[in-house]
Amino acid sequence: ELVGWLDRNLPFPYADRPQKVAWLDAAIQHLLKHRGFDIDELAFRKFRLRGALERKLVAGLKVCKQKQFGDLLAIPDQFELRPDEHRVEFAAGRYAYDTAYAGAIRLKRHFFPVIGNLKSHGEEFECAELIANALPGVKWWIRNIEKKPGAFWLQTSSDRFYPDFVLALEDGRTLAVEYKGSHIADTADSREKKRIGELWAARSGGRCGFVWVENRNWTALRAAIS
């Protein structure tokens, strides 16, 4: 009865119902035989049990997606960049943001009159200042705002990846730039974003570039442009 209740109240569309029921039954048996619970206690706390099992399912799904995604990326030749599909176009009046940049330092060459969601200090600001005022070969740039309509993104195993900046270079290339501080640069999520960005650039036939800047490594950014 407990397994039946969990089945009805724990939706999981990524498995067939018999698979899900078998997994739930195995989980209950594990708690009874190896964790010291009794069936009355589990039934009494069934809502907490449902939450714990749901978190287990979500965590397992994430691992599965990451493995499948990694297997796909291991065969780069099956990917190609198609300019007419899933295209992002930047146009006047189509730039969504939460707060406008209000710093004292003027940042030049931004495609839109307003620069969105950029603080006036910190490492990410230093990266923006270098792009705007010091890097040669930049025609214009955009502060890319995550989860906003019209923003540029790449697909990861679990979400969309929005690089911090998109640059149009004078030689006709498009460059996506992601800045990461040293404390968050080497996580599984970051490694996946870096990998998909590099694949996107590699399969573009020279039309696009991607640079992953860590801990004020401005040399990497200059090299990507030159």
C-alpha atoms as a PDB file:
ATOM      1  CA  GLU A   1       0.000   0.000   0.000  1.00  0.00           C
ATOM      2  CA  LEU A   2       2.843   2.394   0.798  1.00  0.00           C
ATOM      3  CA  VAL A   3       4.517   1.736  -2.556  1.00  0.00           C
ATOM      4  CA  GLY A   4       1.173   2.308  -4.286  1.00  0.00           C
ATOM      5  CA  TRP A   5       0.698   5.629  -2.485  1.00  0.00           C
ATOM      6  CA  LEU A   6       4.209   6.751  -3.393  1.00  0.00           C
ATOM      7  CA  ASP A   7       3.626   5.743  -7.012  1.00  0.00           C
ATOM      8  CA  ARG A   8       0.491   7.886  -7.189  1.00  0.00           C
ATOM      9  CA  ASN A   9       2.019  10.872  -5.419  1.00  0.00           C
ATOM     10  CA  LEU A  10       5.526  10.900  -6.856  1.00  0.00           C
ATOM     11  CA  PRO A  11       5.405  11.683 -10.600  1.00  0.00           C
ATOM     12  CA  PHE A  12       8.537  10.831 -12.560  1.00  0.00           C
ATOM     13  CA  PRO A  13       8.036  10.909 -16.351  1.00  0.00           C
ATOM     14  CA  TYR A  14      11.526   9.624 -17.165  1.00  0.00           C
ATOM     15  CA  ALA A  15      10.743   5.995 -16.317  1.00  0.00           C
ATOM     16  CA  ASP A  16       7.970   3.579 -17.195  1.00  0.00           C
ATOM     17  CA  ARG A  17       5.522   2.944 -14.368  1.00  0.00           C
ATOM     18  CA  PRO A  18       6.682  -0.656 -13.740  1.00  0.00           C
ATOM     19  CA  GLN A  19      10.274   0.598 -13.507  1.00  0.00           C
ATOM     20  CA  LYS A  20       9.299   3.318 -11.066  1.00  0.00           C
ATOM     21  CA  VAL A  21       7.250   0.948  -8.900  1.00  0.00           C
ATOM     22  CA  ALA A  22      10.118  -1.559  -8.809  1.00  0.00           C
ATOM     23  CA  TRP A  23      12.536   1.204  -7.777  1.00  0.00           C
ATOM     24  CA  LEU A  24      10.197   2.449  -5.043  1.00  0.00           C
ATOM     25  CA  ASP A  25       9.743  -1.082  -3.727  1.00  0.00           C
ATOM     26  CA  ALA A  26      13.513  -1.641  -3.680  1.00  0.00           C
ATOM     27  CA  ALA A  27      13.977   1.648  -1.807  1.00  0.00           C
ATOM     28  CA  ILE A  28      11.412   0.627   0.835  1.00  0.00           C
ATOM     29  CA  GLN A  29      13.010  -2.809   1.209  1.00  0.00           C
ATOM     30  CA  HIS A  30      16.419  -1.178   1.670  1.00  0.00           C
ATOM     31  CA  LEU A  31      15.081   1.086   4.431  1.00  0.00           C
ATOM     32  CA  LEU A  32      13.458  -1.879   6.199  1.00  0.00           C
ATOM     33  CA  LYS A  33      16.331  -4.360   5.921  1.00  0.00           C
ATOM     34  CA  HIS A  34      19.424  -2.151   6.109  1.00  0.00           C
ATOM     35  CA  ARG A  35      18.436   1.158   7.710  1.00  0.00           C
ATOM     36  CA  GLY A  36      16.459  -0.076  10.722  1.00  0.00           C
ATOM     37  CA  PHE A  37      13.070   1.454   9.900  1.00  0.00           C
ATOM     38  CA  ASP A  38       9.812  -0.409  10.362  1.00  0.00           C
ATOM     39  CA  ILE A  39       6.868  -0.206   8.009  1.00  0.00           C
ATOM     40  CA  ASP A  40       4.614   1.631  10.480  1.00  0.00           C
ATOM     41  CA  GLU A  41       7.175   4.412  10.891  1.00  0.00           C
ATOM     42  CA  LEU A  42       7.625   4.762   7.132  1.00  0.00           C
ATOM     43  CA  ALA A  43       3.857   4.873   6.599  1.00  0.00           C
ATOM     44  CA  PHE A  44       3.447   7.471   9.363  1.00  0.00           C
ATOM     45  CA  ARG A  45       6.155   9.649   7.817  1.00  0.00           C
ATOM     46  CA  LYS A  46       5.162   9.016   4.228  1.00  0.00           C
ATOM     47  CA  PHE A  47       5.264  12.691   3.204  1.00  0.00           C
ATOM     48  CA  ARG A  48       8.865  13.057   4.409  1.00  0.00           C
ATOM     49  CA  LEU A  49       9.656   9.752   2.729  1.00  0.00           C
ATOM     50  CA  ARG A  50       8.180  11.020  -0.532  1.00  0.00           C
ATOM     51  CA  GLY A  51      10.367  14.123  -0.365  1.00  0.00           C
ATOM     52  CA  ALA A  52      13.519  12.086   0.297  1.00  0.00           C
ATOM     53  CA  LEU A  53      12.796   9.699  -2.572  1.00  0.00           C
ATOM     54  CA  GLU A  54      12.012  12.574  -4.908  1.00  0.00           C
ATOM     55  CA  ARG A  55      15.402  14.128  -4.149  1.00  0.00           C
ATOM     56  CA  LYS A  56      17.049  10.769  -4.839  1.00  0.00           C
ATOM     57  CA  LEU A  57      15.311  10.542  -8.203  1.00  0.00           C
ATOM     58  CA  VAL A  58      16.291  14.077  -9.167  1.00  0.00           C
ATOM     59  CA  ALA A  59      19.915  13.508  -8.159  1.00  0.00           C
ATOM     60  CA  GLY A  60      20.071  10.259 -10.112  1.00  0.00           C
ATOM     61  CA  LEU A  61      18.505  11.904 -13.149  1.00  0.00           C
ATOM     62  CA  LYS A  62      21.116  14.668 -13.059  1.00  0.00           C
ATOM     63  CA  VAL A  63      23.968  12.148 -13.006  1.00  0.00           C
ATOM     64  CA  CYS A  64      22.353  10.226 -15.872  1.00  0.00           C
ATOM     65  CA  LYS A  65      21.906  13.379 -17.974  1.00  0.00           C
ATOM     66  CA  GLN A  66      25.489  14.490 -17.358  1.00  0.00           C
ATOM     67  CA  LYS A  67      26.821  11.095 -18.457  1.00  0.00           C
ATOM     68  CA  GLN A  68      24.656  11.053 -21.581  1.00  0.00           C
ATOM     69  CA  PHE A  69      25.651  14.634 -22.382  1.00  0.00           C
ATOM     70  CA  GLY A  70      29.332  13.802 -21.902  1.00  0.00           C
ATOM     71  CA  ASP A  71      29.001  10.811 -24.212  1.00  0.00           C
ATOM     72  CA  LEU A  72      27.455  13.043 -26.876  1.00  0.00           C
ATOM     73  CA  LEU A  73      30.181  15.648 -26.626  1.00  0.00           C
ATOM     74  CA  ALA A  74      32.816  12.941 -26.985  1.00  0.00           C
ATOM     75  CA  ILE A  75      31.792  12.669 -30.663  1.00  0.00           C
ATOM     76  CA  PRO A  76      32.198  16.289 -31.847  1.00  0.00           C
ATOM     77  CA  ASP A  77      31.834  15.453 -35.544  1.00  0.00           C
ATOM     78  CA  GLN A  78      28.114  14.841 -35.104  1.00  0.00           C
ATOM     79  CA  PHE A  79      27.567  18.521 -34.252  1.00  0.00           C
ATOM     80  CA  GLU A  80      27.323  21.425 -36.678  1.00  0.00           C
ATOM     81  CA  LEU A  81      26.461  25.089 -36.400  1.00  0.00           C
ATOM     82  CA  ARG A  82      23.428  26.097 -38.422  1.00  0.00           C
ATOM     83  CA  PRO A  83      23.025  29.885 -38.596  1.00  0.00           C
ATOM     84  CA  ASP A  84      19.380  29.742 -39.641  1.00  0.00           C
ATOM     85  CA  GLU A  85      18.258  27.491 -36.779  1.00  0.00           C
ATOM     86  CA  HIS A  86      17.814  28.686 -33.176  1.00  0.00           C
ATOM     87  CA  ARG A  87      19.260  32.020 -34.187  1.00  0.00           C
ATOM     88  CA  VAL A  88      19.591  34.889 -31.726  1.00  0.00           C
ATOM     89  CA  GLU A  89      19.235  38.372 -33.195  1.00  0.00           C
ATOM     90  CA  PHE A  90      20.178  41.544 -31.340  1.00  0.00           C
ATOM     91  CA  ALA A  91      17.983  44.476 -32.296  1.00  0.00           C
ATOM     92  CA  ALA A  92      17.260  47.953 -30.930  1.00  0.00           C
ATOM     93  CA  GLY A  93      14.617  47.921 -28.237  1.00  0.00           C
ATOM     94  CA  ARG A  94      15.002  44.202 -27.527  1.00  0.00           C
ATOM     95  CA  TYR A  95      17.263  44.077 -24.501  1.00  0.00           C
ATOM     96  CA  ALA A  96      15.793  42.872 -21.221  1.00  0.00           C
ATOM     97  CA  TYR A  97      17.552  43.491 -17.900  1.00  0.00           C
ATOM     98  CA  ASP A  98      16.813  43.945 -14.203  1.00  0.00           C
ATOM     99  CA  THR A  99      19.062  46.857 -13.254  1.00  0.00           C
ATOM    100  CA  ALA A 100      21.046  49.305 -15.363  1.00  0.00           C
ATOM    101  CA  TYR A 101      24.772  49.842 -14.950  1.00  0.00           C
ATOM    102  CA  ALA A 102      25.316  53.110 -13.073  1.00  0.00           C
ATOM    103  CA  GLY A 103      29.075  53.186 -12.546  1.00  0.00           C
ATOM    104  CA  ALA A 104      31.251  56.276 -12.899  1.00  0.00           C
ATOM    105  CA  ILE A 105      33.464  54.680 -15.563  1.00  0.00           C
ATOM    106  CA  ARG A 106      32.056  54.934 -19.050  1.00  0.00           C
ATOM    107  CA  LEU A 107      31.990  51.616 -20.904  1.00  0.00           C
ATOM    108  CA  LYS A 108      32.180  52.184 -24.646  1.00  0.00           C
ATOM    109  CA  ARG A 109      30.968  50.231 -27.666  1.00  0.00           C
ATOM    110  CA  HIS A 110      28.030  48.514 -25.974  1.00  0.00           C
ATOM    111  CA  PHE A 111      25.457  47.572 -28.622  1.00  0.00           C
ATOM    112  CA  PHE A 112      22.558  48.918 -26.555  1.00  0.00           C
ATOM    113  CA  PRO A 113      22.411  52.358 -24.874  1.00  0.00           C
ATOM    114  CA  VAL A 114      21.938  50.640 -21.498  1.00  0.00           C
ATOM    115  CA  ILE A 115      24.209  48.002 -19.958  1.00  0.00           C
ATOM    116  CA  GLY A 116      22.165  45.607 -17.873  1.00  0.00           C
ATOM    117  CA  ASN A 117      22.940  43.712 -14.680  1.00  0.00           C
ATOM    118  CA  LEU A 118      26.548  44.827 -14.313  1.00  0.00           C
ATOM    119  CA  LYS A 119      27.966  46.007 -11.003  1.00  0.00           C
ATOM    120  CA  SER A 120      30.425  48.922 -10.955  1.00  0.00           C
ATOM    121  CA  HIS A 121      33.127  46.903  -9.204  1.00  0.00           C
ATOM    122  CA  GLY A 122      34.518  43.374  -8.995  1.00  0.00           C
ATOM    123  CA  GLU A 123      36.252  40.966 -11.341  1.00  0.00           C
ATOM    124  CA  GLU A 124      33.363  40.734 -13.803  1.00  0.00           C
ATOM    125  CA  PHE A 125      33.297  44.519 -14.078  1.00  0.00           C
ATOM    126  CA  GLU A 126      37.047  44.533 -14.757  1.00  0.00           C
ATOM    127  CA  CYS A 127      36.445  42.088 -17.591  1.00  0.00           C
ATOM    128  CA  ALA A 128      33.701  44.320 -19.029  1.00  0.00           C
ATOM    129  CA  GLU A 129      35.906  47.400 -18.750  1.00  0.00           C
ATOM    130  CA  LEU A 130      38.718  45.667 -20.621  1.00  0.00           C
ATOM    131  CA  ILE A 131      36.341  44.600 -23.396  1.00  0.00           C
ATOM    132  CA  ALA A 132      34.707  48.004 -23.660  1.00  0.00           C
ATOM    133  CA  ASN A 133      37.664  50.354 -23.403  1.00  0.00           C
ATOM    134  CA  ALA A 134      40.934  48.552 -24.018  1.00  0.00           C
ATOM    135  CA  LEU A 135      40.676  45.538 -26.301  1.00  0.00           C
ATOM    136  CA  PRO A 136      41.477  46.171 -29.961  1.00  0.00           C
ATOM    137  CA  GLY A 137      39.409  44.512 -32.652  1.00  0.00           C
ATOM    138  CA  VAL A 138      36.047  44.780 -30.864  1.00  0.00           C
ATOM    139  CA  LYS A 139      33.280  46.284 -33.014  1.00  0.00           C
ATOM    140  CA  TRP A 140      30.637  46.122 -30.286  1.00  0.00           C
ATOM    141  CA  TRP A 141      29.764  44.002 -27.265  1.00  0.00           C
ATOM    142  CA  ILE A 142      26.754  43.025 -25.196  1.00  0.00           C
ATOM    143  CA  ARG A 143      26.349  42.239 -21.546  1.00  0.00           C
ATOM    144  CA  ASN A 144      24.411  38.992 -21.966  1.00  0.00           C
ATOM    145  CA  ILE A 145      21.618  38.653 -19.394  1.00  0.00           C
ATOM    146  CA  GLU A 146      20.752  35.121 -18.365  1.00  0.00           C
ATOM    147  CA  LYS A 147      17.189  33.862 -18.661  1.00  0.00           C
ATOM    148  CA  LYS A 148      16.029  36.968 -20.511  1.00  0.00           C
ATOM    149  CA  PRO A 149      14.227  36.967 -23.881  1.00  0.00           C
ATOM    150  CA  GLY A 150      16.648  37.491 -26.740  1.00  0.00           C
ATOM    151  CA  ALA A 151      19.743  36.496 -24.760  1.00  0.00           C
ATOM    152  CA  PHE A 152      22.333  34.168 -26.270  1.00  0.00           C
ATOM    153  CA  TRP A 153      22.526  30.686 -24.748  1.00  0.00           C
ATOM    154  CA  LEU A 154      23.946  27.203 -25.222  1.00  0.00           C
ATOM    155  CA  GLN A 155      22.325  24.002 -23.973  1.00  0.00           C
ATOM    156  CA  THR A 156      23.882  21.973 -21.155  1.00  0.00           C
ATOM    157  CA  SER A 157      22.709  18.656 -19.727  1.00  0.00           C
ATOM    158  CA  SER A 158      20.395  20.344 -17.236  1.00  0.00           C
ATOM    159  CA  ASP A 159      19.923  23.990 -18.156  1.00  0.00           C
ATOM    160  CA  ARG A 160      20.813  26.823 -20.481  1.00  0.00           C
ATOM    161  CA  PHE A 161      24.247  28.399 -20.303  1.00  0.00           C
ATOM    162  CA  TYR A 162      24.326  32.166 -20.848  1.00  0.00           C
ATOM    163  CA  PRO A 163      27.907  33.442 -21.394  1.00  0.00           C
ATOM    164  CA  ASP A 164      28.566  36.758 -19.638  1.00  0.00           C
ATOM    165  CA  PHE A 165      29.463  38.727 -22.768  1.00  0.00           C
ATOM    166  CA  VAL A 166      28.931  38.465 -26.521  1.00  0.00           C
ATOM    167  CA  LEU A 167      31.351  40.361 -28.774  1.00  0.00           C
ATOM    168  CA  ALA A 168      31.194  41.215 -32.453  1.00  0.00           C
ATOM    169  CA  LEU A 169      34.754  41.489 -33.721  1.00  0.00           C
ATOM    170  CA  GLU A 170      35.919  43.683 -36.559  1.00  0.00           C
ATOM    171  CA  ASP A 171      37.074  40.642 -38.524  1.00  0.00           C
ATOM    172  CA  GLY A 172      33.487  39.355 -38.643  1.00  0.00           C
ATOM    173  CA  ARG A 173      33.697  36.720 -35.914  1.00  0.00           C
ATOM    174  CA  THR A 174      31.387  36.396 -32.924  1.00  0.00           C
ATOM    175  CA  LEU A 175      33.060  35.790 -29.576  1.00  0.00           C
ATOM    176  CA  ALA A 176      31.320  34.527 -26.435  1.00  0.00           C
ATOM    177  CA  VAL A 177      33.114  35.275 -23.162  1.00  0.00           C
ATOM    178  CA  GLU A 178      32.486  33.671 -19.786  1.00  0.00           C
ATOM    179  CA  TYR A 179      34.207  34.991 -16.679  1.00  0.00           C
ATOM    180  CA  LYS A 180      34.660  32.796 -13.616  1.00  0.00           C
ATOM    181  CA  GLY A 181      36.420  33.524 -10.357  1.00  0.00           C
ATOM    182  CA  SER A 182      38.868  30.892  -9.166  1.00  0.00           C
ATOM    183  CA  HIS A 183      36.486  29.694  -6.424  1.00  0.00           C
ATOM    184  CA  ILE A 184      33.842  28.496  -8.913  1.00  0.00           C
ATOM    185  CA  ALA A 185      35.853  27.777 -12.044  1.00  0.00           C
ATOM    186  CA  ASP A 186      36.442  24.071 -11.428  1.00  0.00           C
ATOM    187  CA  THR A 187      33.033  22.617 -10.653  1.00  0.00           C
ATOM    188  CA  ALA A 188      31.260  19.927 -12.682  1.00  0.00           C
ATOM    189  CA  ASP A 189      28.782  22.545 -13.900  1.00  0.00           C
ATOM    190  CA  SER A 190      31.577  24.898 -14.954  1.00  0.00           C
ATOM    191  CA  ARG A 191      33.499  22.167 -16.761  1.00  0.00           C
ATOM    192  CA  GLU A 192      30.370  21.250 -18.709  1.00  0.00           C
ATOM    193  CA  LYS A 193      29.747  24.876 -19.714  1.00  0.00           C
ATOM    194  CA  LYS A 194      33.345  25.276 -20.825  1.00  0.00           C
ATOM    195  CA  ARG A 195      33.153  22.105 -22.871  1.00  0.00           C
ATOM    196  CA  ILE A 196      29.951  23.046 -24.713  1.00  0.00           C
ATOM    197  CA  GLY A 197      31.279  26.550 -25.395  1.00  0.00           C
ATOM    198  CA  GLU A 198      34.473  25.190 -26.889  1.00  0.00           C
ATOM    199  CA  LEU A 199      32.506  22.687 -28.985  1.00  0.00           C
ATOM    200  CA  TRP A 200      30.227  25.462 -30.279  1.00  0.00           C
ATOM    201  CA  ALA A 201      33.262  27.463 -31.364  1.00  0.00           C
ATOM    202  CA  ALA A 202      35.101  24.471 -32.846  1.00  0.00           C
ATOM    203  CA  ARG A 203      32.136  23.464 -35.010  1.00  0.00           C
ATOM    204  CA  SER A 204      31.491  26.978 -36.316  1.00  0.00           C
ATOM    205  CA  GLY A 205      34.032  26.823 -39.128  1.00  0.00           C
ATOM    206  CA  GLY A 206      35.929  29.801 -37.776  1.00  0.00           C
ATOM    207  CA  ARG A 207      32.885  32.074 -37.507  1.00  0.00           C
ATOM    208  CA  CYS A 208      32.647  31.918 -33.723  1.00  0.00           C
ATOM    209  CA  GLY A 209      34.995  31.846 -30.789  1.00  0.00           C
ATOM    210  CA  PHE A 210      34.656  31.058 -27.116  1.00  0.00           C
ATOM    211  CA  VAL A 211      36.931  32.102 -24.281  1.00  0.00           C
ATOM    212  CA  TRP A 212      36.764  31.009 -20.655  1.00  0.00           C
ATOM    213  CA  VAL A 213      38.451  33.622 -18.467  1.00  0.00           C
ATOM    214  CA  GLU A 214      39.474  32.612 -14.959  1.00  0.00           C
ATOM    215  CA  ASN A 215      40.840  34.715 -12.127  1.00  0.00           C
ATOM    216  CA  ARG A 216      41.746  37.813 -14.169  1.00  0.00           C
ATOM    217  CA  ASN A 217      43.577  35.863 -16.862  1.00  0.00           C
ATOM    218  CA  TRP A 218      43.228  38.645 -19.419  1.00  0.00           C
ATOM    219  CA  THR A 219      45.888  37.035 -21.612  1.00  0.00           C
ATOM    220  CA  ALA A 220      43.366  34.338 -22.588  1.00  0.00           C
ATOM    221  CA  LEU A 221      40.889  37.003 -23.686  1.00  0.00           C
ATOM    222  CA  ARG A 222      43.455  38.922 -25.741  1.00  0.00           C
ATOM    223  CA  ALA A 223      44.652  35.708 -27.359  1.00  0.00           C
ATOM    224  CA  ALA A 224      41.110  34.718 -28.353  1.00  0.00           C
ATOM    225  CA  ILE A 225      40.675  38.020 -30.189  1.00  0.00           C
ATOM    226  CA  SER A 226      44.079  38.094 -31.862  1.00  0.00           C
END
